[in-house]
Amino acid sequence: MKLVPLGDKIVLKQLEAEETTKSGIVLPGQAKEKPQEAEVIAVGPGGIIDGKEVTMQVKAGDRVIYSKYAGTDVELDDEKFIIVKQNDILAIVEA
């Protein structure tokens, strides 16, 4: 199956949380903070949303930083995704 977002929605796949801190301390499962970095899987078409023209600024494959409590968690074919509005994307991570 494939998720196809509508309007200004974006499907993200969250990147894995760090297992250790920078100082080398190994974190147990509950102590790991949910990362705010994700890969863009699919992007909606944009268009007129709430009377305003919305042009999508990210594309599939981009790595992005998103708001901490944004989006809706979805599980499809045993994979977890997050669906967010474009407004919830804070930055694109460039290599």
PDB file of N, CA and C in Angstrom:
ATOM      1  N   MET A   1       0.826  -1.186   0.000  1.00  0.00           N
ATOM      2  CA  MET A   1       0.000   0.000   0.000  1.00  0.00           C
ATOM      3  C   MET A   1       0.865   1.241   0.000  1.00  0.00           C
ATOM      4  N   LYS A   2       0.255   2.354  -0.396  1.00  0.00           N
ATOM      5  CA  LYS A   2       0.994   3.605  -0.516  1.00  0.00           C
ATOM      6  C   LYS A   2       0.157   4.727   0.071  1.00  0.00           C
ATOM      7  N   LEU A   3       0.770   5.600   0.846  1.00  0.00           N
ATOM      8  CA  LEU A   3       0.082   6.766   1.384  1.00  0.00           C
ATOM      9  C   LEU A   3       0.213   7.915   0.394  1.00  0.00           C
ATOM     10  N   VAL A   4      -0.907   8.524   0.012  1.00  0.00           N
ATOM     11  CA  VAL A   4      -0.908   9.672  -0.885  1.00  0.00           C
ATOM     12  C   VAL A   4      -1.538  10.838  -0.137  1.00  0.00           C
ATOM     13  N   PRO A   5      -0.727  11.806   0.302  1.00  0.00           N
ATOM     14  CA  PRO A   5      -1.271  12.922   1.077  1.00  0.00           C
ATOM     15  C   PRO A   5      -2.096  13.880   0.223  1.00  0.00           C
ATOM     16  N   LEU A   6      -3.064  14.533   0.855  1.00  0.00           N
ATOM     17  CA  LEU A   6      -3.924  15.497   0.178  1.00  0.00           C
ATOM     18  C   LEU A   6      -3.542  16.915   0.605  1.00  0.00           C
ATOM     19  N   GLY A   7      -3.867  17.889  -0.222  1.00  0.00           N
ATOM     20  CA  GLY A   7      -3.654  19.295   0.123  1.00  0.00           C
ATOM     21  C   GLY A   7      -2.226  19.604   0.501  1.00  0.00           C
ATOM     22  N   ASP A   8      -2.057  20.242   1.670  1.00  0.00           N
ATOM     23  CA  ASP A   8      -0.717  20.660   2.108  1.00  0.00           C
ATOM     24  C   ASP A   8      -0.107  19.669   3.103  1.00  0.00           C
ATOM     25  N   LYS A   9      -0.525  18.409   3.038  1.00  0.00           N
ATOM     26  CA  LYS A   9      -0.016  17.392   3.964  1.00  0.00           C
ATOM     27  C   LYS A   9       1.250  16.730   3.413  1.00  0.00           C
ATOM     28  N   ILE A  10       2.090  16.260   4.349  1.00  0.00           N
ATOM     29  CA  ILE A  10       3.357  15.624   4.010  1.00  0.00           C
ATOM     30  C   ILE A  10       3.487  14.349   4.839  1.00  0.00           C
ATOM     31  N   VAL A  11       3.889  13.247   4.217  1.00  0.00           N
ATOM     32  CA  VAL A  11       4.118  11.984   4.923  1.00  0.00           C
ATOM     33  C   VAL A  11       5.609  11.889   5.255  1.00  0.00           C
ATOM     34  N   LEU A  12       5.904  11.682   6.546  1.00  0.00           N
ATOM     35  CA  LEU A  12       7.285  11.601   7.019  1.00  0.00           C
ATOM     36  C   LEU A  12       7.550  10.224   7.605  1.00  0.00           C
ATOM     37  N   LYS A  13       8.798   9.775   7.470  1.00  0.00           N
ATOM     38  CA  LYS A  13       9.247   8.564   8.157  1.00  0.00           C
ATOM     39  C   LYS A  13      10.323   9.018   9.125  1.00  0.00           C
ATOM     40  N   GLN A  14      10.044   8.825  10.410  1.00  0.00           N
ATOM     41  CA  GLN A  14      10.934   9.307  11.450  1.00  0.00           C
ATOM     42  C   GLN A  14      12.256   8.567  11.424  1.00  0.00           C
ATOM     43  N   LEU A  15      13.351   9.303  11.614  1.00  0.00           N
ATOM     44  CA  LEU A  15      14.677   8.688  11.690  1.00  0.00           C
ATOM     45  C   LEU A  15      14.849   8.072  13.067  1.00  0.00           C
ATOM     46  N   GLU A  16      15.692   7.068  13.186  1.00  0.00           N
ATOM     47  CA  GLU A  16      15.885   6.346  14.446  1.00  0.00           C
ATOM     48  C   GLU A  16      16.519   7.239  15.504  1.00  0.00           C
ATOM     49  N   ALA A  17      16.102   7.034  16.747  1.00  0.00           N
ATOM     50  CA  ALA A  17      16.659   7.775  17.884  1.00  0.00           C
ATOM     51  C   ALA A  17      18.076   7.288  18.177  1.00  0.00           C
ATOM     52  N   GLU A  18      18.886   8.174  18.708  1.00  0.00           N
ATOM     53  CA  GLU A  18      20.258   7.818  19.080  1.00  0.00           C
ATOM     54  C   GLU A  18      20.236   6.831  20.236  1.00  0.00           C
ATOM     55  N   GLU A  19      21.090   5.834  20.177  1.00  0.00           N
ATOM     56  CA  GLU A  19      21.191   4.828  21.237  1.00  0.00           C
ATOM     57  C   GLU A  19      22.101   5.305  22.373  1.00  0.00           C
ATOM     58  N   THR A  20      23.075   6.178  22.052  1.00  0.00           N
ATOM     59  CA  THR A  20      24.003   6.668  23.066  1.00  0.00           C
ATOM     60  C   THR A  20      24.089   8.182  23.002  1.00  0.00           C
ATOM     61  N   THR A  21      24.463   8.803  24.124  1.00  0.00           N
ATOM     62  CA  THR A  21      24.660  10.249  24.156  1.00  0.00           C
ATOM     63  C   THR A  21      26.036  10.575  23.584  1.00  0.00           C
ATOM     64  N   LYS A  22      26.329  11.855  23.399  1.00  0.00           N
ATOM     65  CA  LYS A  22      27.639  12.260  22.874  1.00  0.00           C
ATOM     66  C   LYS A  22      28.766  11.845  23.802  1.00  0.00           C
ATOM     67  N   SER A  23      28.471  11.758  25.112  1.00  0.00           N
ATOM     68  CA  SER A  23      29.512  11.365  26.068  1.00  0.00           C
ATOM     69  C   SER A  23      29.650   9.849  26.195  1.00  0.00           C
ATOM     70  N   GLY A  24      28.826   9.068  25.431  1.00  0.00           N
ATOM     71  CA  GLY A  24      28.974   7.623  25.408  1.00  0.00           C
ATOM     72  C   GLY A  24      28.040   6.851  26.326  1.00  0.00           C
ATOM     73  N   ILE A  25      27.092   7.536  26.975  1.00  0.00           N
ATOM     74  CA  ILE A  25      26.154   6.849  27.862  1.00  0.00           C
ATOM     75  C   ILE A  25      25.085   6.168  27.015  1.00  0.00           C
ATOM     76  N   VAL A  26      24.866   4.874  27.250  1.00  0.00           N
ATOM     77  CA  VAL A  26      23.859   4.116  26.513  1.00  0.00           C
ATOM     78  C   VAL A  26      22.489   4.388  27.127  1.00  0.00           C
ATOM     79  N   LEU A  27      21.516   4.748  26.281  1.00  0.00           N
ATOM     80  CA  LEU A  27      20.175   5.079  26.756  1.00  0.00           C
ATOM     81  C   LEU A  27      19.240   3.881  26.658  1.00  0.00           C
ATOM     82  N   PRO A  28      18.472   3.602  27.725  1.00  0.00           N
ATOM     83  CA  PRO A  28      17.452   2.559  27.614  1.00  0.00           C
ATOM     84  C   PRO A  28      16.298   3.055  26.745  1.00  0.00           C
ATOM     85  N   GLY A  29      15.443   2.151  26.294  1.00  0.00           N
ATOM     86  CA  GLY A  29      14.347   2.485  25.379  1.00  0.00           C
ATOM     87  C   GLY A  29      13.474   3.641  25.822  1.00  0.00           C
ATOM     88  N   GLN A  30      13.080   3.706  27.106  1.00  0.00           N
ATOM     89  CA  GLN A  30      12.182   4.757  27.560  1.00  0.00           C
ATOM     90  C   GLN A  30      12.862   6.122  27.632  1.00  0.00           C
ATOM     91  N   ALA A  31      14.164   6.160  27.788  1.00  0.00           N
ATOM     92  CA  ALA A  31      14.871   7.426  27.959  1.00  0.00           C
ATOM     93  C   ALA A  31      15.187   8.114  26.636  1.00  0.00           C
ATOM     94  N   LYS A  32      15.082   7.372  25.542  1.00  0.00           N
ATOM     95  CA  LYS A  32      15.385   7.959  24.241  1.00  0.00           C
ATOM     96  C   LYS A  32      14.335   8.985  23.887  1.00  0.00           C
ATOM     97  N   GLU A  33      14.773  10.188  23.537  1.00  0.00           N
ATOM     98  CA  GLU A  33      13.832  11.227  23.130  1.00  0.00           C
ATOM     99  C   GLU A  33      13.466  11.028  21.665  1.00  0.00           C
ATOM    100  N   LYS A  34      12.207  11.213  21.356  1.00  0.00           N
ATOM    101  CA  LYS A  34      11.719  11.083  19.982  1.00  0.00           C
ATOM    102  C   LYS A  34      12.422  12.128  19.119  1.00  0.00           C
ATOM    103  N   PRO A  35      13.147  11.703  18.088  1.00  0.00           N
ATOM    104  CA  PRO A  35      13.846  12.680  17.259  1.00  0.00           C
ATOM    105  C   PRO A  35      12.867  13.522  16.462  1.00  0.00           C
ATOM    106  N   GLN A  36      13.261  14.734  16.152  1.00  0.00           N
ATOM    107  CA  GLN A  36      12.413  15.629  15.371  1.00  0.00           C
ATOM    108  C   GLN A  36      12.883  15.676  13.924  1.00  0.00           C
ATOM    109  N   GLU A  37      13.739  14.752  13.549  1.00  0.00           N
ATOM    110  CA  GLU A  37      14.244  14.702  12.185  1.00  0.00           C
ATOM    111  C   GLU A  37      13.606  13.523  11.468  1.00  0.00           C
ATOM    112  N   ALA A  38      13.199  13.753  10.216  1.00  0.00           N
ATOM    113  CA  ALA A  38      12.513  12.711   9.461  1.00  0.00           C
ATOM    114  C   ALA A  38      12.819  12.845   7.977  1.00  0.00           C
ATOM    115  N   GLU A  39      12.525  11.765   7.243  1.00  0.00           N
ATOM    116  CA  GLU A  39      12.658  11.777   5.791  1.00  0.00           C
ATOM    117  C   GLU A  39      11.276  11.959   5.182  1.00  0.00           C
ATOM    118  N   VAL A  40      11.182  12.825   4.161  1.00  0.00           N
ATOM    119  CA  VAL A  40       9.926  13.039   3.463  1.00  0.00           C
ATOM    120  C   VAL A  40       9.686  11.852   2.536  1.00  0.00           C
ATOM    121  N   ILE A  41       8.528  11.190   2.696  1.00  0.00           N
ATOM    122  CA  ILE A  41       8.164  10.036   1.886  1.00  0.00           C
ATOM    123  C   ILE A  41       7.269  10.449   0.723  1.00  0.00           C
ATOM    124  N   ALA A  42       6.287  11.311   1.008  1.00  0.00           N
ATOM    125  CA  ALA A  42       5.345  11.768  -0.022  1.00  0.00           C
ATOM    126  C   ALA A  42       4.863  13.168   0.317  1.00  0.00           C
ATOM    127  N   VAL A  43       4.521  13.941  -0.722  1.00  0.00           N
ATOM    128  CA  VAL A  43       4.100  15.330  -0.563  1.00  0.00           C
ATOM    129  C   VAL A  43       2.784  15.540  -1.295  1.00  0.00           C
ATOM    130  N   GLY A  44       1.853  16.219  -0.629  1.00  0.00           N
ATOM    131  CA  GLY A  44       0.577  16.545  -1.256  1.00  0.00           C
ATOM    132  C   GLY A  44       0.757  17.572  -2.363  1.00  0.00           C
ATOM    133  N   PRO A  45      -0.297  17.816  -3.139  1.00  0.00           N
ATOM    134  CA  PRO A  45      -0.192  18.718  -4.284  1.00  0.00           C
ATOM    135  C   PRO A  45      -0.196  20.203  -3.954  1.00  0.00           C
ATOM    136  N   GLY A  46      -0.537  20.568  -2.718  1.00  0.00           N
ATOM    137  CA  GLY A  46      -0.652  21.986  -2.387  1.00  0.00           C
ATOM    138  C   GLY A  46      -1.955  22.531  -2.934  1.00  0.00           C
ATOM    139  N   GLY A  47      -1.945  23.749  -3.482  1.00  0.00           N
ATOM    140  CA  GLY A  47      -3.150  24.339  -4.059  1.00  0.00           C
ATOM    141  C   GLY A  47      -3.740  25.388  -3.142  1.00  0.00           C
ATOM    142  N   ILE A  48      -5.040  25.594  -3.235  1.00  0.00           N
ATOM    143  CA  ILE A  48      -5.726  26.586  -2.407  1.00  0.00           C
ATOM    144  C   ILE A  48      -6.176  25.904  -1.120  1.00  0.00           C
ATOM    145  N   ILE A  49      -5.593  26.294   0.017  1.00  0.00           N
ATOM    146  CA  ILE A  49      -5.916  25.738   1.320  1.00  0.00           C
ATOM    147  C   ILE A  49      -6.425  26.880   2.196  1.00  0.00           C
ATOM    148  N   ASP A  50      -7.660  26.764   2.666  1.00  0.00           N
ATOM    149  CA  ASP A  50      -8.286  27.809   3.485  1.00  0.00           C
ATOM    150  C   ASP A  50      -8.211  29.178   2.814  1.00  0.00           C
ATOM    151  N   GLY A  51      -8.405  29.219   1.515  1.00  0.00           N
ATOM    152  CA  GLY A  51      -8.427  30.480   0.772  1.00  0.00           C
ATOM    153  C   GLY A  51      -7.065  31.048   0.428  1.00  0.00           C
ATOM    154  N   LYS A  52      -5.994  30.354   0.747  1.00  0.00           N
ATOM    155  CA  LYS A  52      -4.640  30.844   0.465  1.00  0.00           C
ATOM    156  C   LYS A  52      -3.930  29.878  -0.466  1.00  0.00           C
ATOM    157  N   GLU A  53      -3.147  30.417  -1.387  1.00  0.00           N
ATOM    158  CA  GLU A  53      -2.346  29.601  -2.301  1.00  0.00           C
ATOM    159  C   GLU A  53      -1.183  28.981  -1.520  1.00  0.00           C
ATOM    160  N   VAL A  54      -1.060  27.651  -1.574  1.00  0.00           N
ATOM    161  CA  VAL A  54       0.026  26.951  -0.879  1.00  0.00           C
ATOM    162  C   VAL A  54       0.890  26.242  -1.913  1.00  0.00           C
ATOM    163  N   THR A  55       2.175  26.624  -1.963  1.00  0.00           N
ATOM    164  CA  THR A  55       3.146  25.969  -2.830  1.00  0.00           C
ATOM    165  C   THR A  55       4.002  25.075  -1.948  1.00  0.00           C
ATOM    166  N   MET A  56       4.116  23.816  -2.305  1.00  0.00           N
ATOM    167  CA  MET A  56       4.882  22.873  -1.496  1.00  0.00           C
ATOM    168  C   MET A  56       6.382  23.157  -1.660  1.00  0.00           C
ATOM    169  N   GLN A  57       7.090  23.226  -0.530  1.00  0.00           N
ATOM    170  CA  GLN A  57       8.501  23.601  -0.542  1.00  0.00           C
ATOM    171  C   GLN A  57       9.434  22.433  -0.262  1.00  0.00           C
ATOM    172  N   VAL A  58       8.892  21.256  -0.002  1.00  0.00           N
ATOM    173  CA  VAL A  58       9.723  20.062   0.205  1.00  0.00           C
ATOM    174  C   VAL A  58       9.371  19.030  -0.854  1.00  0.00           C
ATOM    175  N   LYS A  59      10.255  18.060  -1.008  1.00  0.00           N
ATOM    176  CA  LYS A  59      10.002  16.993  -1.982  1.00  0.00           C
ATOM    177  C   LYS A  59      10.392  15.662  -1.350  1.00  0.00           C
ATOM    178  N   ALA A  60       9.906  14.579  -1.922  1.00  0.00           N
ATOM    179  CA  ALA A  60      10.236  13.248  -1.414  1.00  0.00           C
ATOM    180  C   ALA A  60      11.748  13.072  -1.393  1.00  0.00           C
ATOM    181  N   GLY A  61      12.249  12.497  -0.308  1.00  0.00           N
ATOM    182  CA  GLY A  61      13.687  12.274  -0.158  1.00  0.00           C
ATOM    183  C   GLY A  61      14.381  13.326   0.698  1.00  0.00           C
ATOM    184  N   ASP A  62      13.749  14.499   0.890  1.00  0.00           N
ATOM    185  CA  ASP A  62      14.336  15.531   1.744  1.00  0.00           C
ATOM    186  C   ASP A  62      14.376  15.056   3.191  1.00  0.00           C
ATOM    187  N   ARG A  63      15.391  15.513   3.934  1.00  0.00           N
ATOM    188  CA  ARG A  63      15.439  15.306   5.386  1.00  0.00           C
ATOM    189  C   ARG A  63      15.011  16.616   6.014  1.00  0.00           C
ATOM    190  N   VAL A  64      14.086  16.550   6.950  1.00  0.00           N
ATOM    191  CA  VAL A  64      13.520  17.763   7.528  1.00  0.00           C
ATOM    192  C   VAL A  64      13.485  17.689   9.055  1.00  0.00           C
ATOM    193  N   ILE A  65      13.367  18.855   9.670  1.00  0.00           N
ATOM    194  CA  ILE A  65      13.119  18.996  11.104  1.00  0.00           C
ATOM    195  C   ILE A  65      11.679  19.465  11.228  1.00  0.00           C
ATOM    196  N   TYR A  66      10.898  18.812  12.092  1.00  0.00           N
ATOM    197  CA  TYR A  66       9.493  19.186  12.245  1.00  0.00           C
ATOM    198  C   TYR A  66       9.185  19.503  13.705  1.00  0.00           C
ATOM    199  N   SER A  67       8.059  20.173  13.940  1.00  0.00           N
ATOM    200  CA  SER A  67       7.646  20.545  15.291  1.00  0.00           C
ATOM    201  C   SER A  67       7.487  19.309  16.166  1.00  0.00           C
ATOM    202  N   LYS A  68       7.862  19.444  17.422  1.00  0.00           N
ATOM    203  CA  LYS A  68       7.927  18.313  18.346  1.00  0.00           C
ATOM    204  C   LYS A  68       6.604  17.558  18.501  1.00  0.00           C
ATOM    205  N   TYR A  69       5.490  18.254  18.647  1.00  0.00           N
ATOM    206  CA  TYR A  69       4.212  17.582  18.900  1.00  0.00           C
ATOM    207  C   TYR A  69       3.282  17.652  17.702  1.00  0.00           C
ATOM    208  N   ALA A  70       3.833  17.782  16.515  1.00  0.00           N
ATOM    209  CA  ALA A  70       3.037  17.944  15.297  1.00  0.00           C
ATOM    210  C   ALA A  70       2.638  16.602  14.714  1.00  0.00           C
ATOM    211  N   GLY A  71       1.557  16.625  13.952  1.00  0.00           N
ATOM    212  CA  GLY A  71       1.207  15.507  13.097  1.00  0.00           C
ATOM    213  C   GLY A  71       0.378  14.412  13.719  1.00  0.00           C
ATOM    214  N   THR A  72       0.070  13.458  12.870  1.00  0.00           N
ATOM    215  CA  THR A  72      -0.721  12.289  13.224  1.00  0.00           C
ATOM    216  C   THR A  72       0.106  11.044  12.931  1.00  0.00           C
ATOM    217  N   ASP A  73       0.260  10.181  13.932  1.00  0.00           N
ATOM    218  CA  ASP A  73       1.003   8.933  13.746  1.00  0.00           C
ATOM    219  C   ASP A  73       0.118   7.920  13.039  1.00  0.00           C
ATOM    220  N   VAL A  74       0.683   7.253  12.027  1.00  0.00           N
ATOM    221  CA  VAL A  74      -0.047   6.267  11.236  1.00  0.00           C
ATOM    222  C   VAL A  74       0.835   5.035  11.074  1.00  0.00           C
ATOM    223  N   GLU A  75       0.233   3.839  11.157  1.00  0.00           N
ATOM    224  CA  GLU A  75       0.982   2.608  10.901  1.00  0.00           C
ATOM    225  C   GLU A  75       0.352   1.913   9.708  1.00  0.00           C
ATOM    226  N   LEU A  76       1.181   1.600   8.716  1.00  0.00           N
ATOM    227  CA  LEU A  76       0.711   0.959   7.494  1.00  0.00           C
ATOM    228  C   LEU A  76       1.717  -0.108   7.091  1.00  0.00           C
ATOM    229  N   ASP A  77       1.270  -1.337   6.914  1.00  0.00           N
ATOM    230  CA  ASP A  77       2.151  -2.465   6.567  1.00  0.00           C
ATOM    231  C   ASP A  77       3.332  -2.574   7.537  1.00  0.00           C
ATOM    232  N   ASP A  78       3.055  -2.474   8.834  1.00  0.00           N
ATOM    233  CA  ASP A  78       4.058  -2.590   9.900  1.00  0.00           C
ATOM    234  C   ASP A  78       5.137  -1.513   9.848  1.00  0.00           C
ATOM    235  N   GLU A  79       4.874  -0.405   9.159  1.00  0.00           N
ATOM    236  CA  GLU A  79       5.796   0.737   9.158  1.00  0.00           C
ATOM    237  C   GLU A  79       5.078   1.923   9.765  1.00  0.00           C
ATOM    238  N   LYS A  80       5.822   2.731  10.520  1.00  0.00           N
ATOM    239  CA  LYS A  80       5.229   3.895  11.178  1.00  0.00           C
ATOM    240  C   LYS A  80       5.561   5.160  10.392  1.00  0.00           C
ATOM    241  N   PHE A  81       4.550   5.983  10.201  1.00  0.00           N
ATOM    242  CA  PHE A  81       4.692   7.252   9.488  1.00  0.00           C
ATOM    243  C   PHE A  81       4.052   8.361  10.309  1.00  0.00           C
ATOM    244  N   ILE A  82       4.391   9.597   9.981  1.00  0.00           N
ATOM    245  CA  ILE A  82       3.778  10.768  10.589  1.00  0.00           C
ATOM    246  C   ILE A  82       3.258  11.632   9.446  1.00  0.00           C
ATOM    247  N   ILE A  83       2.016  12.068   9.540  1.00  0.00           N
ATOM    248  CA  ILE A  83       1.456  12.976   8.532  1.00  0.00           C
ATOM    249  C   ILE A  83       1.350  14.355   9.169  1.00  0.00           C
ATOM    250  N   VAL A  84       2.027  15.335   8.564  1.00  0.00           N
ATOM    251  CA  VAL A  84       2.042  16.701   9.086  1.00  0.00           C
ATOM    252  C   VAL A  84       1.618  17.685   8.005  1.00  0.00           C
ATOM    253  N   LYS A  85       1.219  18.889   8.433  1.00  0.00           N
ATOM    254  CA  LYS A  85       0.983  19.983   7.498  1.00  0.00           C
ATOM    255  C   LYS A  85       2.332  20.602   7.158  1.00  0.00           C
ATOM    256  N   GLN A  86       2.413  21.252   6.022  1.00  0.00           N
ATOM    257  CA  GLN A  86       3.671  21.903   5.646  1.00  0.00           C
ATOM    258  C   GLN A  86       4.094  22.933   6.695  1.00  0.00           C
ATOM    259  N   ASN A  87       3.130  23.589   7.354  1.00  0.00           N
ATOM    260  CA  ASN A  87       3.466  24.579   8.393  1.00  0.00           C
ATOM    261  C   ASN A  87       4.243  23.978   9.543  1.00  0.00           C
ATOM    262  N   ASP A  88       4.122  22.652   9.765  1.00  0.00           N
ATOM    263  CA  ASP A  88       4.820  21.994  10.862  1.00  0.00           C
ATOM    264  C   ASP A  88       6.275  21.667  10.537  1.00  0.00           C
ATOM    265  N   ILE A  89       6.671  21.824   9.275  1.00  0.00           N
ATOM    266  CA  ILE A  89       8.063  21.608   8.877  1.00  0.00           C
ATOM    267  C   ILE A  89       8.830  22.892   9.203  1.00  0.00           C
ATOM    268  N   LEU A  90       9.889  22.748  10.022  1.00  0.00           N
ATOM    269  CA  LEU A  90      10.656  23.922  10.449  1.00  0.00           C
ATOM    270  C   LEU A  90      11.853  24.200   9.552  1.00  0.00           C
ATOM    271  N   ALA A  91      12.486  23.137   9.023  1.00  0.00           N
ATOM    272  CA  ALA A  91      13.691  23.327   8.221  1.00  0.00           C
ATOM    273  C   ALA A  91      13.976  22.083   7.397  1.00  0.00           C
ATOM    274  N   ILE A  92      14.722  22.285   6.311  1.00  0.00           N
ATOM    275  CA  ILE A  92      15.234  21.186   5.499  1.00  0.00           C
ATOM    276  C   ILE A  92      16.698  21.005   5.883  1.00  0.00           C
ATOM    277  N   VAL A  93      17.118  19.766   6.129  1.00  0.00           N
ATOM    278  CA  VAL A  93      18.510  19.470   6.494  1.00  0.00           C
ATOM    279  C   VAL A  93      19.282  19.208   5.212  1.00  0.00           C
ATOM    280  N   GLU A  94      20.299  20.025   4.957  1.00  0.00           N
ATOM    281  CA  GLU A  94      21.125  19.850   3.760  1.00  0.00           C
ATOM    282  C   GLU A  94      22.467  19.259   4.164  1.00  0.00           C
ATOM    283  N   ALA A  95      22.980  18.368   3.350  1.00  0.00           N
ATOM    284  CA  ALA A  95      24.261  17.711   3.660  1.00  0.00           C
ATOM    285  C   ALA A  95      25.431  18.591   3.322  1.00  0.00           C
TER     286      ALA A  95
END
